[in-house]
Each structure stands twice: as C-alpha cells, then as structure tokens.
Amino acid sequence: MDHEIRLKRLRFRAWHRGTREADLMIGGFFDAHHAGWSAAELDWFETLLEEQDVDIMGWAIGSIPCPPQWDGAMMHAMRALNYVPVRK
C-alpha cells in the first residue's frame, strides 16, 4: 500500500473511534507523532488500533496495567501526551 494512503487510513481510524474522548486521545496522538514514525512504528500503531478503546485509554493514562507487548517507547509517548497526574 502507498505510504500516503496508509497514513490517511490510519488517521481516519485514529479519529473515528466511537467516542469523542477516544478520538481526541488516539487521534491527537497520531497527529502529534506520525510524521516521524518508522514503518515498524506505523505497524505498531495500526495493530494497536485493533484493541478496545477503553483498554488503549486505560493504558495511556495509567489507570490499568499495560500489557508488555504495548508497553514501550510508543506507549510512553502516548502517556506523555495524555499525562494525568495521580492524586494522593
């Protein structure tokens, strides 16, 4: 698939998740970072989009433990973009 077409499809999928909150979190992450992604990082993101929004959002804000296959540099970047301070 052509790189530009792939990016357009991923952007659409990132911004059309089903809830406004997920659209903003996942779509916003895509918009902020996709320009510098390698093919492997695009593959990671494309596969992540197959997961449930509630899980992705929970992993990104740290409300649920992130499985090892998703917990890496890309998820850390998503967490940094969606930083929510923990109340004590």
PDB file of N, CA and C in Angstrom:
ATOM      1  N   MET A   1       0.851  -1.174   0.000  1.00  0.00           N
ATOM      2  CA  MET A   1       0.000   0.000   0.000  1.00  0.00           C
ATOM      3  C   MET A   1       0.901   1.242   0.000  1.00  0.00           C
ATOM      4  N   ASP A   2       0.501   2.245  -0.744  1.00  0.00           N
ATOM      5  CA  ASP A   2       1.210   3.512  -0.795  1.00  0.00           C
ATOM      6  C   ASP A   2       1.274   4.127   0.609  1.00  0.00           C
ATOM      7  N   HIS A   3       2.414   4.704   0.961  1.00  0.00           N
ATOM      8  CA  HIS A   3       2.630   5.268   2.295  1.00  0.00           C
ATOM      9  C   HIS A   3       1.602   6.346   2.629  1.00  0.00           C
ATOM     10  N   GLU A   4       1.334   7.238   1.712  1.00  0.00           N
ATOM     11  CA  GLU A   4       0.382   8.332   1.969  1.00  0.00           C
ATOM     12  C   GLU A   4      -1.041   7.808   2.166  1.00  0.00           C
ATOM     13  N   ILE A   5      -1.419   6.809   1.413  1.00  0.00           N
ATOM     14  CA  ILE A   5      -2.746   6.206   1.579  1.00  0.00           C
ATOM     15  C   ILE A   5      -2.837   5.526   2.944  1.00  0.00           C
ATOM     16  N   ARG A   6      -1.775   4.837   3.324  1.00  0.00           N
ATOM     17  CA  ARG A   6      -1.751   4.182   4.642  1.00  0.00           C
ATOM     18  C   ARG A   6      -1.911   5.215   5.757  1.00  0.00           C
ATOM     19  N   LEU A   7      -1.197   6.336   5.656  1.00  0.00           N
ATOM     20  CA  LEU A   7      -1.318   7.385   6.668  1.00  0.00           C
ATOM     21  C   LEU A   7      -2.737   7.940   6.723  1.00  0.00           C
ATOM     22  N   LYS A   8      -3.355   8.142   5.590  1.00  0.00           N
ATOM     23  CA  LYS A   8      -4.731   8.664   5.562  1.00  0.00           C
ATOM     24  C   LYS A   8      -5.693   7.682   6.215  1.00  0.00           C
ATOM     25  N   ARG A   9      -5.513   6.409   5.948  1.00  0.00           N
ATOM     26  CA  ARG A   9      -6.378   5.392   6.557  1.00  0.00           C
ATOM     27  C   ARG A   9      -6.172   5.325   8.070  1.00  0.00           C
ATOM     28  N   LEU A  10      -4.917   5.376   8.488  1.00  0.00           N
ATOM     29  CA  LEU A  10      -4.639   5.339   9.926  1.00  0.00           C
ATOM     30  C   LEU A  10      -5.190   6.580  10.619  1.00  0.00           C
ATOM     31  N   ARG A  11      -5.041   7.737   9.980  1.00  0.00           N
ATOM     32  CA  ARG A  11      -5.580   8.964  10.578  1.00  0.00           C
ATOM     33  C   ARG A  11      -7.087   8.853  10.731  1.00  0.00           C
ATOM     34  N   PHE A  12      -7.769   8.361   9.711  1.00  0.00           N
ATOM     35  CA  PHE A  12      -9.224   8.198   9.785  1.00  0.00           C
ATOM     36  C   PHE A  12      -9.590   7.266  10.929  1.00  0.00           C
ATOM     37  N   ARG A  13      -8.921   6.127  11.015  1.00  0.00           N
ATOM     38  CA  ARG A  13      -9.224   5.157  12.076  1.00  0.00           C
ATOM     39  C   ARG A  13      -8.916   5.719  13.455  1.00  0.00           C
ATOM     40  N   ALA A  14      -7.857   6.525  13.563  1.00  0.00           N
ATOM     41  CA  ALA A  14      -7.484   7.110  14.848  1.00  0.00           C
ATOM     42  C   ALA A  14      -8.507   8.146  15.310  1.00  0.00           C
ATOM     43  N   TRP A  15      -9.116   8.854  14.359  1.00  0.00           N
ATOM     44  CA  TRP A  15     -10.061   9.925  14.698  1.00  0.00           C
ATOM     45  C   TRP A  15     -11.520   9.493  14.680  1.00  0.00           C
ATOM     46  N   HIS A  16     -11.788   8.248  14.359  1.00  0.00           N
ATOM     47  CA  HIS A  16     -13.173   7.751  14.308  1.00  0.00           C
ATOM     48  C   HIS A  16     -13.286   6.486  15.145  1.00  0.00           C
ATOM     49  N   ARG A  17     -13.109   6.644  16.448  1.00  0.00           N
ATOM     50  CA  ARG A  17     -13.077   5.519  17.362  1.00  0.00           C
ATOM     51  C   ARG A  17     -14.442   5.180  17.939  1.00  0.00           C
ATOM     52  N   GLY A  18     -15.327   6.138  18.022  1.00  0.00           N
ATOM     53  CA  GLY A  18     -16.643   5.848  18.582  1.00  0.00           C
ATOM     54  C   GLY A  18     -17.030   6.766  19.721  1.00  0.00           C
ATOM     55  N   THR A  19     -16.035   7.281  20.425  1.00  0.00           N
ATOM     56  CA  THR A  19     -16.313   8.270  21.468  1.00  0.00           C
ATOM     57  C   THR A  19     -15.395   9.453  21.248  1.00  0.00           C
ATOM     58  N   ARG A  20     -15.860  10.616  21.640  1.00  0.00           N
ATOM     59  CA  ARG A  20     -15.063  11.828  21.455  1.00  0.00           C
ATOM     60  C   ARG A  20     -13.759  11.762  22.254  1.00  0.00           C
ATOM     61  N   GLU A  21     -13.812  11.197  23.437  1.00  0.00           N
ATOM     62  CA  GLU A  21     -12.625  11.091  24.273  1.00  0.00           C
ATOM     63  C   GLU A  21     -11.547  10.234  23.594  1.00  0.00           C
ATOM     64  N   ALA A  22     -11.964   9.099  23.060  1.00  0.00           N
ATOM     65  CA  ALA A  22     -11.012   8.226  22.368  1.00  0.00           C
ATOM     66  C   ALA A  22     -10.500   8.889  21.098  1.00  0.00           C
ATOM     67  N   ASP A  23     -11.375   9.570  20.378  1.00  0.00           N
ATOM     68  CA  ASP A  23     -10.943  10.287  19.176  1.00  0.00           C
ATOM     69  C   ASP A  23      -9.849  11.282  19.520  1.00  0.00           C
ATOM     70  N   LEU A  24     -10.070  12.064  20.568  1.00  0.00           N
ATOM     71  CA  LEU A  24      -9.100  13.090  20.949  1.00  0.00           C
ATOM     72  C   LEU A  24      -7.777  12.482  21.416  1.00  0.00           C
ATOM     73  N   MET A  25      -7.859  11.427  22.208  1.00  0.00           N
ATOM     74  CA  MET A  25      -6.638  10.823  22.726  1.00  0.00           C
ATOM     75  C   MET A  25      -5.849  10.119  21.627  1.00  0.00           C
ATOM     76  N   ILE A  26      -6.492   9.236  20.912  1.00  0.00           N
ATOM     77  CA  ILE A  26      -5.801   8.406  19.921  1.00  0.00           C
ATOM     78  C   ILE A  26      -5.507   9.202  18.655  1.00  0.00           C
ATOM     79  N   GLY A  27      -6.494   9.962  18.195  1.00  0.00           N
ATOM     80  CA  GLY A  27      -6.280  10.804  17.022  1.00  0.00           C
ATOM     81  C   GLY A  27      -5.271  11.901  17.288  1.00  0.00           C
ATOM     82  N   GLY A  28      -5.352  12.494  18.464  1.00  0.00           N
ATOM     83  CA  GLY A  28      -4.393  13.528  18.829  1.00  0.00           C
ATOM     84  C   GLY A  28      -2.970  12.996  18.885  1.00  0.00           C
ATOM     85  N   PHE A  29      -2.816  11.793  19.411  1.00  0.00           N
ATOM     86  CA  PHE A  29      -1.500  11.150  19.449  1.00  0.00           C
ATOM     87  C   PHE A  29      -0.982  10.936  18.034  1.00  0.00           C
ATOM     88  N   PHE A  30      -1.846  10.433  17.167  1.00  0.00           N
ATOM     89  CA  PHE A  30      -1.442  10.211  15.776  1.00  0.00           C
ATOM     90  C   PHE A  30      -0.990  11.520  15.139  1.00  0.00           C
ATOM     91  N   ASP A  31      -1.798  12.549  15.260  1.00  0.00           N
ATOM     92  CA  ASP A  31      -1.460  13.832  14.639  1.00  0.00           C
ATOM     93  C   ASP A  31      -0.155  14.403  15.174  1.00  0.00           C
ATOM     94  N   ALA A  32       0.085  14.242  16.460  1.00  0.00           N
ATOM     95  CA  ALA A  32       1.274  14.814  17.074  1.00  0.00           C
ATOM     96  C   ALA A  32       2.561  14.075  16.703  1.00  0.00           C
ATOM     97  N   HIS A  33       2.462  12.784  16.379  1.00  0.00           N
ATOM     98  CA  HIS A  33       3.681  11.981  16.239  1.00  0.00           C
ATOM     99  C   HIS A  33       3.887  11.263  14.912  1.00  0.00           C
ATOM    100  N   HIS A  34       2.879  11.072  14.109  1.00  0.00           N
ATOM    101  CA  HIS A  34       3.003  10.173  12.949  1.00  0.00           C
ATOM    102  C   HIS A  34       4.073  10.572  11.937  1.00  0.00           C
ATOM    103  N   ALA A  35       4.355  11.849  11.820  1.00  0.00           N
ATOM    104  CA  ALA A  35       5.298  12.304  10.792  1.00  0.00           C
ATOM    105  C   ALA A  35       6.688  11.696  10.954  1.00  0.00           C
ATOM    106  N   GLY A  36       7.079  11.395  12.176  1.00  0.00           N
ATOM    107  CA  GLY A  36       8.405  10.850  12.410  1.00  0.00           C
ATOM    108  C   GLY A  36       8.463   9.345  12.580  1.00  0.00           C
ATOM    109  N   TRP A  37       7.341   8.657  12.400  1.00  0.00           N
ATOM    110  CA  TRP A  37       7.305   7.220  12.638  1.00  0.00           C
ATOM    111  C   TRP A  37       7.959   6.417  11.524  1.00  0.00           C
ATOM    112  N   SER A  38       8.640   5.364  11.941  1.00  0.00           N
ATOM    113  CA  SER A  38       9.204   4.394  11.004  1.00  0.00           C
ATOM    114  C   SER A  38       8.101   3.434  10.563  1.00  0.00           C
ATOM    115  N   ALA A  39       8.426   2.560   9.627  1.00  0.00           N
ATOM    116  CA  ALA A  39       7.457   1.553   9.182  1.00  0.00           C
ATOM    117  C   ALA A  39       7.059   0.649  10.351  1.00  0.00           C
ATOM    118  N   ALA A  40       8.014   0.303  11.212  1.00  0.00           N
ATOM    119  CA  ALA A  40       7.710  -0.554  12.369  1.00  0.00           C
ATOM    120  C   ALA A  40       6.779   0.161  13.344  1.00  0.00           C
ATOM    121  N   GLU A  41       6.968   1.441  13.529  1.00  0.00           N
ATOM    122  CA  GLU A  41       6.091   2.208  14.425  1.00  0.00           C
ATOM    123  C   GLU A  41       4.692   2.352  13.837  1.00  0.00           C
ATOM    124  N   LEU A  42       4.606   2.518  12.528  1.00  0.00           N
ATOM    125  CA  LEU A  42       3.284   2.525  11.878  1.00  0.00           C
ATOM    126  C   LEU A  42       2.599   1.185  12.059  1.00  0.00           C
ATOM    127  N   ASP A  43       3.360   0.097  11.922  1.00  0.00           N
ATOM    128  CA  ASP A  43       2.802  -1.244  12.144  1.00  0.00           C
ATOM    129  C   ASP A  43       2.269  -1.368  13.577  1.00  0.00           C
ATOM    130  N   TRP A  44       3.049  -0.889  14.550  1.00  0.00           N
ATOM    131  CA  TRP A  44       2.640  -0.935  15.951  1.00  0.00           C
ATOM    132  C   TRP A  44       1.326  -0.200  16.143  1.00  0.00           C
ATOM    133  N   PHE A  45       1.246   1.015  15.617  1.00  0.00           N
ATOM    134  CA  PHE A  45       0.044   1.822  15.787  1.00  0.00           C
ATOM    135  C   PHE A  45      -1.157   1.174  15.094  1.00  0.00           C
ATOM    136  N   GLU A  46      -0.939   0.665  13.912  1.00  0.00           N
ATOM    137  CA  GLU A  46      -2.017   0.015  13.169  1.00  0.00           C
ATOM    138  C   GLU A  46      -2.561  -1.189  13.950  1.00  0.00           C
ATOM    139  N   THR A  47      -1.687  -1.950  14.557  1.00  0.00           N
ATOM    140  CA  THR A  47      -2.102  -3.103  15.361  1.00  0.00           C
ATOM    141  C   THR A  47      -2.782  -2.645  16.648  1.00  0.00           C
ATOM    142  N   LEU A  48      -2.263  -1.576  17.253  1.00  0.00           N
ATOM    143  CA  LEU A  48      -2.880  -1.031  18.466  1.00  0.00           C
ATOM    144  C   LEU A  48      -4.341  -0.646  18.211  1.00  0.00           C
ATOM    145  N   LEU A  49      -4.630  -0.134  17.035  1.00  0.00           N
ATOM    146  CA  LEU A  49      -5.991   0.293  16.710  1.00  0.00           C
ATOM    147  C   LEU A  49      -6.991  -0.858  16.712  1.00  0.00           C
ATOM    148  N   GLU A  50      -6.499  -2.079  16.716  1.00  0.00           N
ATOM    149  CA  GLU A  50      -7.381  -3.251  16.797  1.00  0.00           C
ATOM    150  C   GLU A  50      -7.863  -3.495  18.229  1.00  0.00           C
ATOM    151  N   GLU A  51      -7.190  -2.889  19.196  1.00  0.00           N
ATOM    152  CA  GLU A  51      -7.556  -3.059  20.603  1.00  0.00           C
ATOM    153  C   GLU A  51      -8.790  -2.211  20.937  1.00  0.00           C
ATOM    154  N   GLN A  52      -9.410  -2.520  22.058  1.00  0.00           N
ATOM    155  CA  GLN A  52     -10.577  -1.770  22.517  1.00  0.00           C
ATOM    156  C   GLN A  52     -10.144  -0.382  23.004  1.00  0.00           C
ATOM    157  N   ASP A  53     -10.959   0.613  22.700  1.00  0.00           N
ATOM    158  CA  ASP A  53     -10.641   1.986  23.103  1.00  0.00           C
ATOM    159  C   ASP A  53     -10.451   2.115  24.607  1.00  0.00           C
ATOM    160  N   VAL A  54     -11.311   1.469  25.372  1.00  0.00           N
ATOM    161  CA  VAL A  54     -11.225   1.572  26.827  1.00  0.00           C
ATOM    162  C   VAL A  54      -9.880   1.044  27.322  1.00  0.00           C
ATOM    163  N   ASP A  55      -9.355   0.012  26.683  1.00  0.00           N
ATOM    164  CA  ASP A  55      -8.050  -0.521  27.061  1.00  0.00           C
ATOM    165  C   ASP A  55      -6.932   0.444  26.676  1.00  0.00           C
ATOM    166  N   ILE A  56      -6.954   0.926  25.439  1.00  0.00           N
ATOM    167  CA  ILE A  56      -5.919   1.869  24.979  1.00  0.00           C
ATOM    168  C   ILE A  56      -5.889   3.092  25.887  1.00  0.00           C
ATOM    169  N   MET A  57      -7.057   3.628  26.186  1.00  0.00           N
ATOM    170  CA  MET A  57      -7.134   4.821  27.019  1.00  0.00           C
ATOM    171  C   MET A  57      -6.640   4.528  28.437  1.00  0.00           C
ATOM    172  N   GLY A  58      -7.015   3.371  28.979  1.00  0.00           N
ATOM    173  CA  GLY A  58      -6.555   2.989  30.309  1.00  0.00           C
ATOM    174  C   GLY A  58      -5.048   2.823  30.373  1.00  0.00           C
ATOM    175  N   TRP A  59      -4.464   2.220  29.353  1.00  0.00           N
ATOM    176  CA  TRP A  59      -3.007   2.055  29.305  1.00  0.00           C
ATOM    177  C   TRP A  59      -2.326   3.425  29.197  1.00  0.00           C
ATOM    178  N   ALA A  60      -2.925   4.301  28.400  1.00  0.00           N
ATOM    179  CA  ALA A  60      -2.309   5.610  28.162  1.00  0.00           C
ATOM    180  C   ALA A  60      -2.362   6.519  29.387  1.00  0.00           C
ATOM    181  N   ILE A  61      -3.420   6.413  30.174  1.00  0.00           N
ATOM    182  CA  ILE A  61      -3.499   7.275  31.355  1.00  0.00           C
ATOM    183  C   ILE A  61      -3.025   6.556  32.618  1.00  0.00           C
ATOM    184  N   GLY A  62      -2.715   5.279  32.484  1.00  0.00           N
ATOM    185  CA  GLY A  62      -2.176   4.534  33.611  1.00  0.00           C
ATOM    186  C   GLY A  62      -3.194   4.026  34.601  1.00  0.00           C
ATOM    187  N   SER A  63      -4.468   3.996  34.212  1.00  0.00           N
ATOM    188  CA  SER A  63      -5.489   3.508  35.134  1.00  0.00           C
ATOM    189  C   SER A  63      -5.584   1.987  35.154  1.00  0.00           C
ATOM    190  N   ILE A  64      -5.047   1.339  34.131  1.00  0.00           N
ATOM    191  CA  ILE A  64      -4.958  -0.123  34.107  1.00  0.00           C
ATOM    192  C   ILE A  64      -3.558  -0.507  33.642  1.00  0.00           C
ATOM    193  N   PRO A  65      -3.049  -1.647  34.096  1.00  0.00           N
ATOM    194  CA  PRO A  65      -1.710  -2.068  33.688  1.00  0.00           C
ATOM    195  C   PRO A  65      -1.632  -2.300  32.177  1.00  0.00           C
ATOM    196  N   CYS A  66      -0.537  -1.879  31.609  1.00  0.00           N
ATOM    197  CA  CYS A  66      -0.322  -2.041  30.172  1.00  0.00           C
ATOM    198  C   CYS A  66       0.369  -3.371  29.901  1.00  0.00           C
ATOM    199  N   PRO A  67      -0.181  -4.187  29.003  1.00  0.00           N
ATOM    200  CA  PRO A  67       0.466  -5.459  28.661  1.00  0.00           C
ATOM    201  C   PRO A  67       1.857  -5.216  28.059  1.00  0.00           C
ATOM    202  N   PRO A  68       2.778  -6.129  28.284  1.00  0.00           N
ATOM    203  CA  PRO A  68       4.156  -5.945  27.803  1.00  0.00           C
ATOM    204  C   PRO A  68       4.276  -5.671  26.303  1.00  0.00           C
ATOM    205  N   GLN A  69       3.409  -6.269  25.486  1.00  0.00           N
ATOM    206  CA  GLN A  69       3.536  -6.064  24.042  1.00  0.00           C
ATOM    207  C   GLN A  69       3.230  -4.629  23.624  1.00  0.00           C
ATOM    208  N   TRP A  70       2.564  -3.866  24.475  1.00  0.00           N
ATOM    209  CA  TRP A  70       2.235  -2.470  24.154  1.00  0.00           C
ATOM    210  C   TRP A  70       3.084  -1.481  24.937  1.00  0.00           C
ATOM    211  N   ASP A  71       3.728  -1.939  25.993  1.00  0.00           N
ATOM    212  CA  ASP A  71       4.460  -1.049  26.888  1.00  0.00           C
ATOM    213  C   ASP A  71       5.877  -0.826  26.379  1.00  0.00           C
ATOM    214  N   GLY A  72       6.051   0.232  25.610  1.00  0.00           N
ATOM    215  CA  GLY A  72       7.353   0.574  25.048  1.00  0.00           C
ATOM    216  C   GLY A  72       7.395   2.063  24.740  1.00  0.00           C
ATOM    217  N   ALA A  73       8.293   2.435  23.870  1.00  0.00           N
ATOM    218  CA  ALA A  73       8.508   3.853  23.556  1.00  0.00           C
ATOM    219  C   ALA A  73       7.254   4.539  23.025  1.00  0.00           C
ATOM    220  N   MET A  74       6.501   3.855  22.202  1.00  0.00           N
ATOM    221  CA  MET A  74       5.302   4.464  21.623  1.00  0.00           C
ATOM    222  C   MET A  74       4.246   4.716  22.706  1.00  0.00           C
ATOM    223  N   MET A  75       4.023   3.753  23.585  1.00  0.00           N
ATOM    224  CA  MET A  75       3.042   3.950  24.651  1.00  0.00           C
ATOM    225  C   MET A  75       3.533   5.020  25.618  1.00  0.00           C
ATOM    226  N   HIS A  76       4.829   5.076  25.848  1.00  0.00           N
ATOM    227  CA  HIS A  76       5.371   6.112  26.726  1.00  0.00           C
ATOM    228  C   HIS A  76       5.132   7.493  26.122  1.00  0.00           C
ATOM    229  N   ALA A  77       5.250   7.609  24.804  1.00  0.00           N
ATOM    230  CA  ALA A  77       4.962   8.879  24.130  1.00  0.00           C
ATOM    231  C   ALA A  77       3.479   9.221  24.244  1.00  0.00           C
ATOM    232  N   MET A  78       2.625   8.205  24.136  1.00  0.00           N
ATOM    233  CA  MET A  78       1.193   8.447  24.290  1.00  0.00           C
ATOM    234  C   MET A  78       0.882   8.882  25.712  1.00  0.00           C
ATOM    235  N   ARG A  79       1.518   8.256  26.673  1.00  0.00           N
ATOM    236  CA  ARG A  79       1.314   8.646  28.072  1.00  0.00           C
ATOM    237  C   ARG A  79       1.769  10.078  28.318  1.00  0.00           C
ATOM    238  N   ALA A  80       2.892  10.458  27.743  1.00  0.00           N
ATOM    239  CA  ALA A  80       3.418  11.810  27.930  1.00  0.00           C
ATOM    240  C   ALA A  80       2.468  12.847  27.343  1.00  0.00           C
ATOM    241  N   LEU A  81       1.854  12.522  26.228  1.00  0.00           N
ATOM    242  CA  LEU A  81       0.920  13.437  25.578  1.00  0.00           C
ATOM    243  C   LEU A  81      -0.381  13.544  26.368  1.00  0.00           C
ATOM    244  N   ASN A  82      -0.761  12.475  27.043  1.00  0.00           N
ATOM    245  CA  ASN A  82      -2.019  12.422  27.778  1.00  0.00           C
ATOM    246  C   ASN A  82      -1.799  12.374  29.279  1.00  0.00           C
ATOM    247  N   TYR A  83      -0.763  13.037  29.753  1.00  0.00           N
ATOM    248  CA  TYR A  83      -0.385  12.971  31.156  1.00  0.00           C
ATOM    249  C   TYR A  83      -1.538  13.403  32.056  1.00  0.00           C
ATOM    250  N   VAL A  84      -1.852  12.533  32.993  1.00  0.00           N
ATOM    251  CA  VAL A  84      -2.853  12.820  34.003  1.00  0.00           C
ATOM    252  C   VAL A  84      -2.194  12.630  35.358  1.00  0.00           C
ATOM    253  N   PRO A  85      -2.082  13.675  36.164  1.00  0.00           N
ATOM    254  CA  PRO A  85      -1.408  13.499  37.464  1.00  0.00           C
ATOM    255  C   PRO A  85      -2.216  12.597  38.383  1.00  0.00           C
ATOM    256  N   VAL A  86      -1.513  11.805  39.154  1.00  0.00           N
ATOM    257  CA  VAL A  86      -2.140  10.908  40.111  1.00  0.00           C
ATOM    258  C   VAL A  86      -2.413  11.695  41.397  1.00  0.00           C
ATOM    259  N   ARG A  87      -3.638  11.636  41.871  1.00  0.00           N
ATOM    260  CA  ARG A  87      -3.982  12.323  43.119  1.00  0.00           C
ATOM    261  C   ARG A  87      -3.624  11.452  44.297  1.00  0.00           C
ATOM    262  N   LYS A  88      -3.090  12.082  45.319  1.00  0.00           N
ATOM    263  CA  LYS A  88      -2.710  11.331  46.525  1.00  0.00           C
ATOM    264  C   LYS A  88      -3.500  11.819  47.701  1.00  0.00           C
TER     265      LYS A  88
END
